[in-house]
Amino acid sequence: QDAEVVRTRDPQRLAQCDVVVDVGGEYDPGRHRYDHHQRSFTQSMQSLKPSKPWTTKLSSAGLVYCHFGSQILAGLLGQPEDSPVVTALYDKLYENFVEEIDAIDNGIAQTDGEPRYALTTNLSTRVGHLNPCWNDPDQDTEVG
């Protein structure tokens, strides 16, 4: 809770960080590196947790959720990580919220006949509204 959030792509700064998310070109949970932007990356919820049915390629948000979602939910609910309630919420949150983020971030079309994932939040649009307008003379993305 007292962490400093640093926005950078500078490899020297990233090397000093305890946790790196969505930049750095590396997925290594042992070192807390959670980026999905490398050609060799193909991880899905199912590939990391074989008991889960979802095969959508994970985004960095999905990686963080995959590794820490149960722990966070358990802490919020005051229940063990393996409790049926935590497990059910973890699955429902992934299926109805995080999977959409994973798919959109990875450019996966929602449908090719049968829908691949549920589109429920339009989160990409909400995030997009935080970015400066293309013609804004002040292009400071940190403000949003």
N, C-alpha and C. Protein backbone atom coordinates (compact mmCIF):
# COMPACT_ATOMS: atom_id res chain seq x y z
N GLN A 1 0.80 -1.20 0.00
CA GLN A 1 0.00 0.00 0.00
C GLN A 1 0.84 1.26 0.00
N ASP A 2 2.10 1.17 0.36
CA ASP A 2 2.97 2.34 0.35
C ASP A 2 3.88 2.37 -0.87
N ALA A 3 3.56 1.59 -1.87
CA ALA A 3 4.41 1.49 -3.06
C ALA A 3 4.39 2.80 -3.85
N GLU A 4 5.52 3.08 -4.47
CA GLU A 4 5.61 4.20 -5.39
C GLU A 4 5.35 3.67 -6.79
N VAL A 5 4.43 4.30 -7.52
CA VAL A 5 4.14 3.89 -8.88
C VAL A 5 4.99 4.73 -9.82
N VAL A 6 5.75 4.05 -10.67
CA VAL A 6 6.64 4.71 -11.62
C VAL A 6 6.20 4.33 -13.02
N ARG A 7 5.99 5.32 -13.88
CA ARG A 7 5.66 5.06 -15.28
C ARG A 7 6.91 5.32 -16.11
N THR A 8 7.47 4.26 -16.67
CA THR A 8 8.68 4.41 -17.47
C THR A 8 8.85 3.20 -18.37
N ARG A 9 9.61 3.39 -19.43
CA ARG A 9 10.06 2.27 -20.26
C ARG A 9 11.59 2.19 -20.23
N ASP A 10 12.20 3.00 -19.40
CA ASP A 10 13.65 3.04 -19.26
C ASP A 10 14.13 1.75 -18.59
N PRO A 11 14.88 0.91 -19.31
CA PRO A 11 15.32 -0.37 -18.76
C PRO A 11 16.11 -0.23 -17.46
N GLN A 12 16.88 0.83 -17.31
CA GLN A 12 17.64 1.02 -16.07
C GLN A 12 16.72 1.29 -14.88
N ARG A 13 15.68 2.07 -15.11
CA ARG A 13 14.70 2.33 -14.03
C ARG A 13 13.91 1.06 -13.73
N LEU A 14 13.51 0.33 -14.80
CA LEU A 14 12.75 -0.89 -14.60
C LEU A 14 13.54 -1.92 -13.78
N ALA A 15 14.84 -1.98 -14.00
CA ALA A 15 15.69 -2.92 -13.28
C ALA A 15 15.69 -2.66 -11.77
N GLN A 16 15.39 -1.44 -11.38
CA GLN A 16 15.37 -1.07 -9.96
C GLN A 16 14.01 -1.33 -9.31
N CYS A 17 13.00 -1.63 -10.10
CA CYS A 17 11.65 -1.80 -9.58
C CYS A 17 11.45 -3.20 -8.99
N ASP A 18 10.64 -3.28 -7.96
CA ASP A 18 10.30 -4.56 -7.35
C ASP A 18 9.31 -5.34 -8.19
N VAL A 19 8.37 -4.62 -8.82
CA VAL A 19 7.35 -5.22 -9.66
C VAL A 19 7.26 -4.40 -10.94
N VAL A 20 7.20 -5.08 -12.10
CA VAL A 20 7.08 -4.39 -13.38
C VAL A 20 5.89 -5.01 -14.12
N VAL A 21 4.96 -4.13 -14.55
CA VAL A 21 3.74 -4.58 -15.20
C VAL A 21 3.57 -3.88 -16.54
N ASP A 22 3.34 -4.65 -17.60
CA ASP A 22 2.97 -4.19 -18.94
C ASP A 22 4.08 -3.50 -19.72
N VAL A 23 5.29 -3.52 -19.21
CA VAL A 23 6.45 -3.02 -19.94
C VAL A 23 7.64 -3.91 -19.62
N GLY A 24 8.69 -3.78 -20.38
CA GLY A 24 9.92 -4.51 -20.10
C GLY A 24 10.13 -5.76 -20.93
N GLY A 25 9.08 -6.22 -21.60
CA GLY A 25 9.22 -7.37 -22.48
C GLY A 25 9.59 -8.66 -21.79
N GLU A 26 9.12 -8.85 -20.56
CA GLU A 26 9.51 -10.04 -19.82
C GLU A 26 8.36 -10.54 -18.95
N TYR A 27 8.12 -11.85 -19.00
CA TYR A 27 7.19 -12.49 -18.08
C TYR A 27 7.98 -13.44 -17.22
N ASP A 28 8.15 -13.09 -15.96
CA ASP A 28 8.88 -13.91 -15.01
C ASP A 28 8.28 -13.66 -13.63
N PRO A 29 7.26 -14.47 -13.26
CA PRO A 29 6.60 -14.23 -11.98
C PRO A 29 7.53 -14.35 -10.77
N GLY A 30 8.57 -15.13 -10.90
CA GLY A 30 9.53 -15.26 -9.80
C GLY A 30 10.24 -13.94 -9.49
N ARG A 31 10.37 -13.11 -10.51
CA ARG A 31 11.00 -11.79 -10.35
C ARG A 31 9.97 -10.66 -10.40
N HIS A 32 8.70 -11.02 -10.41
CA HIS A 32 7.59 -10.06 -10.49
C HIS A 32 7.67 -9.18 -11.73
N ARG A 33 7.83 -9.84 -12.87
CA ARG A 33 7.80 -9.18 -14.18
C ARG A 33 6.59 -9.73 -14.92
N TYR A 34 5.64 -8.84 -15.23
CA TYR A 34 4.35 -9.26 -15.80
C TYR A 34 4.05 -8.50 -17.09
N ASP A 35 4.82 -8.78 -18.13
CA ASP A 35 4.56 -8.17 -19.43
C ASP A 35 4.18 -9.27 -20.41
N HIS A 36 3.31 -8.93 -21.34
CA HIS A 36 2.85 -9.90 -22.34
C HIS A 36 3.27 -9.47 -23.74
N HIS A 37 4.11 -8.47 -23.86
CA HIS A 37 4.49 -7.90 -25.15
C HIS A 37 5.75 -8.54 -25.73
N GLN A 38 5.78 -9.84 -25.84
CA GLN A 38 6.86 -10.51 -26.54
C GLN A 38 6.26 -11.58 -27.44
N ARG A 39 6.85 -11.77 -28.60
CA ARG A 39 6.29 -12.70 -29.59
C ARG A 39 6.11 -14.10 -29.03
N SER A 40 6.98 -14.51 -28.14
CA SER A 40 6.93 -15.87 -27.62
C SER A 40 5.85 -16.05 -26.55
N PHE A 41 5.23 -14.98 -26.10
CA PHE A 41 4.24 -15.08 -25.02
C PHE A 41 2.92 -15.64 -25.54
N THR A 42 2.45 -16.72 -24.95
CA THR A 42 1.18 -17.34 -25.37
C THR A 42 0.34 -17.79 -24.17
N GLN A 43 0.69 -17.33 -22.99
CA GLN A 43 0.03 -17.83 -21.78
C GLN A 43 -1.45 -17.44 -21.72
N SER A 44 -2.24 -18.36 -21.21
CA SER A 44 -3.66 -18.13 -20.95
C SER A 44 -3.92 -18.54 -19.51
N MET A 45 -5.11 -18.27 -19.03
CA MET A 45 -5.47 -18.71 -17.68
C MET A 45 -5.33 -20.23 -17.61
N GLN A 46 -5.79 -20.93 -18.66
CA GLN A 46 -5.72 -22.40 -18.65
C GLN A 46 -4.28 -22.92 -18.66
N SER A 47 -3.39 -22.25 -19.39
CA SER A 47 -2.01 -22.74 -19.44
C SER A 47 -1.29 -22.54 -18.10
N LEU A 48 -1.68 -21.53 -17.35
CA LEU A 48 -1.05 -21.28 -16.05
C LEU A 48 -1.78 -21.98 -14.91
N LYS A 49 -3.09 -22.18 -15.08
CA LYS A 49 -3.90 -22.87 -14.07
C LYS A 49 -4.76 -23.89 -14.83
N PRO A 50 -4.24 -25.08 -15.07
CA PRO A 50 -4.92 -26.06 -15.92
C PRO A 50 -6.36 -26.39 -15.53
N SER A 51 -6.76 -26.13 -14.30
CA SER A 51 -8.15 -26.42 -13.92
C SER A 51 -9.12 -25.36 -14.44
N LYS A 52 -8.60 -24.26 -14.97
CA LYS A 52 -9.45 -23.18 -15.48
C LYS A 52 -9.71 -23.37 -16.98
N PRO A 53 -10.91 -23.03 -17.46
CA PRO A 53 -11.26 -23.32 -18.86
C PRO A 53 -10.85 -22.25 -19.88
N TRP A 54 -10.42 -21.07 -19.45
CA TRP A 54 -10.25 -19.95 -20.38
C TRP A 54 -8.93 -20.02 -21.14
N THR A 55 -9.02 -19.90 -22.46
CA THR A 55 -7.84 -20.00 -23.32
C THR A 55 -7.47 -18.67 -23.97
N THR A 56 -8.14 -17.59 -23.59
CA THR A 56 -7.81 -16.27 -24.11
C THR A 56 -6.40 -15.88 -23.66
N LYS A 57 -5.58 -15.41 -24.59
CA LYS A 57 -4.22 -14.98 -24.25
C LYS A 57 -4.31 -13.88 -23.20
N LEU A 58 -3.50 -13.99 -22.15
CA LEU A 58 -3.52 -13.03 -21.06
C LEU A 58 -2.83 -11.73 -21.44
N SER A 59 -3.39 -10.64 -20.98
CA SER A 59 -2.71 -9.35 -21.02
C SER A 59 -1.94 -9.23 -19.70
N SER A 60 -1.26 -8.13 -19.50
CA SER A 60 -0.56 -7.93 -18.23
C SER A 60 -1.57 -7.86 -17.08
N ALA A 61 -2.74 -7.28 -17.33
CA ALA A 61 -3.79 -7.24 -16.30
C ALA A 61 -4.20 -8.67 -15.93
N GLY A 62 -4.37 -9.52 -16.92
CA GLY A 62 -4.73 -10.90 -16.67
C GLY A 62 -3.64 -11.66 -15.93
N LEU A 63 -2.39 -11.36 -16.24
CA LEU A 63 -1.28 -12.00 -15.52
C LEU A 63 -1.30 -11.63 -14.05
N VAL A 64 -1.49 -10.37 -13.76
CA VAL A 64 -1.53 -9.92 -12.36
C VAL A 64 -2.73 -10.57 -11.67
N TYR A 65 -3.88 -10.58 -12.35
CA TYR A 65 -5.07 -11.21 -11.76
C TYR A 65 -4.83 -12.71 -11.54
N CYS A 66 -4.24 -13.37 -12.50
CA CYS A 66 -3.97 -14.80 -12.39
C CYS A 66 -3.12 -15.10 -11.16
N HIS A 67 -2.07 -14.30 -10.96
CA HIS A 67 -1.13 -14.57 -9.87
C HIS A 67 -1.59 -14.04 -8.51
N PHE A 68 -2.40 -13.00 -8.48
CA PHE A 68 -2.73 -12.36 -7.20
C PHE A 68 -4.22 -12.22 -6.91
N GLY A 69 -5.08 -12.52 -7.88
CA GLY A 69 -6.52 -12.32 -7.69
C GLY A 69 -7.10 -13.06 -6.51
N SER A 70 -6.79 -14.33 -6.38
CA SER A 70 -7.33 -15.12 -5.26
C SER A 70 -6.85 -14.58 -3.93
N GLN A 71 -5.60 -14.22 -3.86
CA GLN A 71 -5.03 -13.69 -2.62
C GLN A 71 -5.72 -12.39 -2.21
N ILE A 72 -5.95 -11.52 -3.19
CA ILE A 72 -6.61 -10.24 -2.91
C ILE A 72 -8.05 -10.47 -2.49
N LEU A 73 -8.78 -11.31 -3.21
CA LEU A 73 -10.17 -11.60 -2.85
C LEU A 73 -10.26 -12.22 -1.47
N ALA A 74 -9.37 -13.16 -1.17
CA ALA A 74 -9.37 -13.80 0.15
C ALA A 74 -9.16 -12.76 1.25
N GLY A 75 -8.23 -11.83 1.03
CA GLY A 75 -7.98 -10.79 2.02
C GLY A 75 -9.18 -9.88 2.21
N LEU A 76 -9.82 -9.51 1.10
CA LEU A 76 -10.99 -8.63 1.19
C LEU A 76 -12.17 -9.31 1.88
N LEU A 77 -12.31 -10.62 1.64
CA LEU A 77 -13.44 -11.37 2.20
C LEU A 77 -13.15 -11.99 3.56
N GLY A 78 -11.88 -11.98 3.96
CA GLY A 78 -11.51 -12.61 5.23
C GLY A 78 -11.73 -14.11 5.21
N GLN A 79 -11.49 -14.72 4.04
CA GLN A 79 -11.66 -16.16 3.89
C GLN A 79 -10.39 -16.77 3.32
N PRO A 80 -10.21 -18.08 3.49
CA PRO A 80 -9.04 -18.73 2.89
C PRO A 80 -9.09 -18.67 1.37
N GLU A 81 -7.92 -18.63 0.77
CA GLU A 81 -7.83 -18.55 -0.70
C GLU A 81 -8.54 -19.69 -1.39
N ASP A 82 -8.55 -20.87 -0.79
CA ASP A 82 -9.17 -22.03 -1.43
C ASP A 82 -10.63 -22.22 -1.04
N SER A 83 -11.23 -21.23 -0.40
CA SER A 83 -12.64 -21.36 -0.02
C SER A 83 -13.52 -21.34 -1.26
N PRO A 84 -14.67 -22.00 -1.22
CA PRO A 84 -15.57 -22.02 -2.38
C PRO A 84 -16.02 -20.61 -2.81
N VAL A 85 -16.20 -19.72 -1.85
CA VAL A 85 -16.64 -18.36 -2.18
C VAL A 85 -15.55 -17.62 -2.95
N VAL A 86 -14.31 -17.69 -2.48
CA VAL A 86 -13.19 -17.03 -3.17
C VAL A 86 -13.01 -17.63 -4.55
N THR A 87 -13.07 -18.94 -4.65
CA THR A 87 -12.92 -19.61 -5.95
C THR A 87 -14.02 -19.18 -6.92
N ALA A 88 -15.25 -19.14 -6.45
CA ALA A 88 -16.36 -18.75 -7.32
C ALA A 88 -16.23 -17.30 -7.76
N LEU A 89 -15.88 -16.40 -6.85
CA LEU A 89 -15.71 -14.99 -7.21
C LEU A 89 -14.53 -14.79 -8.17
N TYR A 90 -13.45 -15.50 -7.91
CA TYR A 90 -12.28 -15.41 -8.78
C TYR A 90 -12.67 -15.78 -10.21
N ASP A 91 -13.38 -16.88 -10.36
CA ASP A 91 -13.79 -17.35 -11.68
C ASP A 91 -14.76 -16.37 -12.33
N LYS A 92 -15.75 -15.89 -11.58
CA LYS A 92 -16.75 -14.97 -12.14
C LYS A 92 -16.11 -13.64 -12.54
N LEU A 93 -15.21 -13.13 -11.72
CA LEU A 93 -14.54 -11.87 -12.07
C LEU A 93 -13.69 -12.02 -13.31
N TYR A 94 -13.01 -13.17 -13.42
CA TYR A 94 -12.23 -13.37 -14.64
C TYR A 94 -13.15 -13.45 -15.85
N GLU A 95 -14.15 -14.30 -15.77
CA GLU A 95 -15.02 -14.55 -16.92
C GLU A 95 -15.81 -13.32 -17.35
N ASN A 96 -16.22 -12.49 -16.41
CA ASN A 96 -17.10 -11.37 -16.72
C ASN A 96 -16.43 -10.00 -16.67
N PHE A 97 -15.13 -9.95 -16.43
CA PHE A 97 -14.45 -8.65 -16.38
C PHE A 97 -13.04 -8.72 -16.97
N VAL A 98 -12.17 -9.51 -16.36
CA VAL A 98 -10.76 -9.52 -16.75
C VAL A 98 -10.54 -10.13 -18.13
N GLU A 99 -11.28 -11.17 -18.49
CA GLU A 99 -11.09 -11.80 -19.80
C GLU A 99 -11.32 -10.79 -20.92
N GLU A 100 -12.29 -9.92 -20.75
CA GLU A 100 -12.55 -8.88 -21.75
C GLU A 100 -11.33 -7.97 -21.93
N ILE A 101 -10.71 -7.60 -20.81
CA ILE A 101 -9.51 -6.76 -20.87
C ILE A 101 -8.40 -7.51 -21.60
N ASP A 102 -8.20 -8.77 -21.25
CA ASP A 102 -7.18 -9.59 -21.92
C ASP A 102 -7.40 -9.63 -23.43
N ALA A 103 -8.63 -9.92 -23.82
CA ALA A 103 -8.94 -10.07 -25.25
C ALA A 103 -8.75 -8.76 -26.01
N ILE A 104 -9.29 -7.68 -25.48
CA ILE A 104 -9.18 -6.39 -26.17
C ILE A 104 -7.73 -5.95 -26.26
N ASP A 105 -6.98 -6.10 -25.17
CA ASP A 105 -5.57 -5.69 -25.16
C ASP A 105 -4.74 -6.50 -26.15
N ASN A 106 -5.14 -7.74 -26.40
CA ASN A 106 -4.41 -8.60 -27.34
C ASN A 106 -5.00 -8.59 -28.74
N GLY A 107 -6.00 -7.75 -28.98
CA GLY A 107 -6.58 -7.62 -30.32
C GLY A 107 -7.38 -8.82 -30.77
N ILE A 108 -7.98 -9.52 -29.82
CA ILE A 108 -8.77 -10.71 -30.15
C ILE A 108 -10.21 -10.28 -30.39
N ALA A 109 -10.72 -10.58 -31.57
CA ALA A 109 -12.11 -10.24 -31.90
C ALA A 109 -13.06 -10.98 -30.97
N GLN A 110 -14.15 -10.31 -30.60
CA GLN A 110 -15.11 -10.93 -29.70
C GLN A 110 -15.81 -12.12 -30.35
N THR A 111 -16.01 -12.03 -31.66
CA THR A 111 -16.77 -13.09 -32.30
C THR A 111 -16.22 -13.43 -33.67
N ASP A 112 -16.34 -14.66 -33.99
CA ASP A 112 -16.06 -15.18 -35.32
C ASP A 112 -17.14 -16.25 -35.53
N GLY A 113 -18.38 -15.80 -35.37
CA GLY A 113 -19.52 -16.71 -35.30
C GLY A 113 -20.01 -16.73 -33.88
N GLU A 114 -19.55 -17.68 -33.08
CA GLU A 114 -19.92 -17.79 -31.67
C GLU A 114 -19.03 -16.84 -30.84
N PRO A 115 -19.62 -16.02 -29.93
CA PRO A 115 -18.80 -15.10 -29.13
C PRO A 115 -17.73 -15.83 -28.32
N ARG A 116 -16.51 -15.28 -28.32
CA ARG A 116 -15.40 -15.86 -27.58
C ARG A 116 -15.36 -15.37 -26.14
N TYR A 117 -15.85 -14.17 -25.90
CA TYR A 117 -15.86 -13.60 -24.56
C TYR A 117 -17.00 -12.61 -24.47
N ALA A 118 -17.39 -12.29 -23.23
CA ALA A 118 -18.49 -11.34 -23.00
C ALA A 118 -17.96 -9.92 -22.98
N LEU A 119 -18.64 -9.02 -23.66
CA LEU A 119 -18.29 -7.60 -23.66
C LEU A 119 -19.29 -6.92 -22.74
N THR A 120 -18.84 -6.55 -21.53
CA THR A 120 -19.78 -6.04 -20.54
C THR A 120 -19.45 -4.65 -19.99
N THR A 121 -18.21 -4.21 -20.09
CA THR A 121 -17.85 -2.95 -19.43
C THR A 121 -17.43 -1.85 -20.37
N ASN A 122 -16.98 -2.18 -21.57
CA ASN A 122 -16.40 -1.21 -22.47
C ASN A 122 -15.29 -0.42 -21.77
N LEU A 123 -14.48 -1.14 -21.03
CA LEU A 123 -13.41 -0.55 -20.25
C LEU A 123 -12.40 0.19 -21.12
N SER A 124 -12.14 -0.31 -22.32
CA SER A 124 -11.19 0.35 -23.21
C SER A 124 -11.62 1.78 -23.50
N THR A 125 -12.91 1.99 -23.70
CA THR A 125 -13.40 3.34 -23.93
C THR A 125 -13.24 4.21 -22.70
N ARG A 126 -13.51 3.65 -21.54
CA ARG A 126 -13.34 4.41 -20.30
C ARG A 126 -11.89 4.85 -20.11
N VAL A 127 -10.96 3.95 -20.35
CA VAL A 127 -9.54 4.29 -20.25
C VAL A 127 -9.17 5.31 -21.32
N GLY A 128 -9.70 5.13 -22.53
CA GLY A 128 -9.41 6.06 -23.62
C GLY A 128 -9.82 7.48 -23.30
N HIS A 129 -10.87 7.65 -22.53
CA HIS A 129 -11.32 9.00 -22.15
C HIS A 129 -10.32 9.70 -21.24
N LEU A 130 -9.43 8.95 -20.62
CA LEU A 130 -8.41 9.54 -19.75
C LEU A 130 -7.22 10.09 -20.55
N ASN A 131 -7.09 9.66 -21.79
CA ASN A 131 -5.99 10.13 -22.64
C ASN A 131 -6.31 11.51 -23.18
N PRO A 132 -5.28 12.32 -23.46
CA PRO A 132 -5.54 13.63 -24.04
C PRO A 132 -6.11 13.49 -25.46
N CYS A 133 -6.91 14.45 -25.88
CA CYS A 133 -7.43 14.46 -27.25
C CYS A 133 -6.27 14.59 -28.22
N TRP A 134 -6.44 14.05 -29.42
CA TRP A 134 -5.36 14.05 -30.41
C TRP A 134 -4.90 15.47 -30.73
N ASN A 135 -5.79 16.45 -30.63
CA ASN A 135 -5.43 17.82 -31.00
C ASN A 135 -5.18 18.71 -29.78
N ASP A 136 -5.11 18.12 -28.60
CA ASP A 136 -4.83 18.87 -27.37
C ASP A 136 -3.37 19.33 -27.42
N PRO A 137 -3.13 20.65 -27.24
CA PRO A 137 -1.75 21.13 -27.28
C PRO A 137 -0.89 20.57 -26.13
N ASP A 138 -1.53 20.19 -25.02
CA ASP A 138 -0.80 19.59 -23.89
C ASP A 138 -1.03 18.09 -23.93
N GLN A 139 -0.07 17.33 -24.43
CA GLN A 139 -0.20 15.87 -24.58
C GLN A 139 0.31 15.10 -23.37
N ASP A 140 0.17 15.67 -22.18
CA ASP A 140 0.64 15.03 -20.96
C ASP A 140 -0.30 13.88 -20.57
N THR A 141 0.14 12.65 -20.79
CA THR A 141 -0.69 11.49 -20.46
C THR A 141 -0.73 11.22 -18.97
N GLU A 142 0.16 11.81 -18.21
CA GLU A 142 0.19 11.58 -16.76
C GLU A 142 -1.02 12.21 -16.06
N VAL A 143 -1.60 13.26 -16.65
CA VAL A 143 -2.74 13.93 -16.04
C VAL A 143 -3.90 12.96 -15.89
N GLY A 144 -4.19 12.22 -16.96
CA GLY A 144 -5.30 11.25 -16.92
C GLY A 144 -5.02 10.13 -15.97
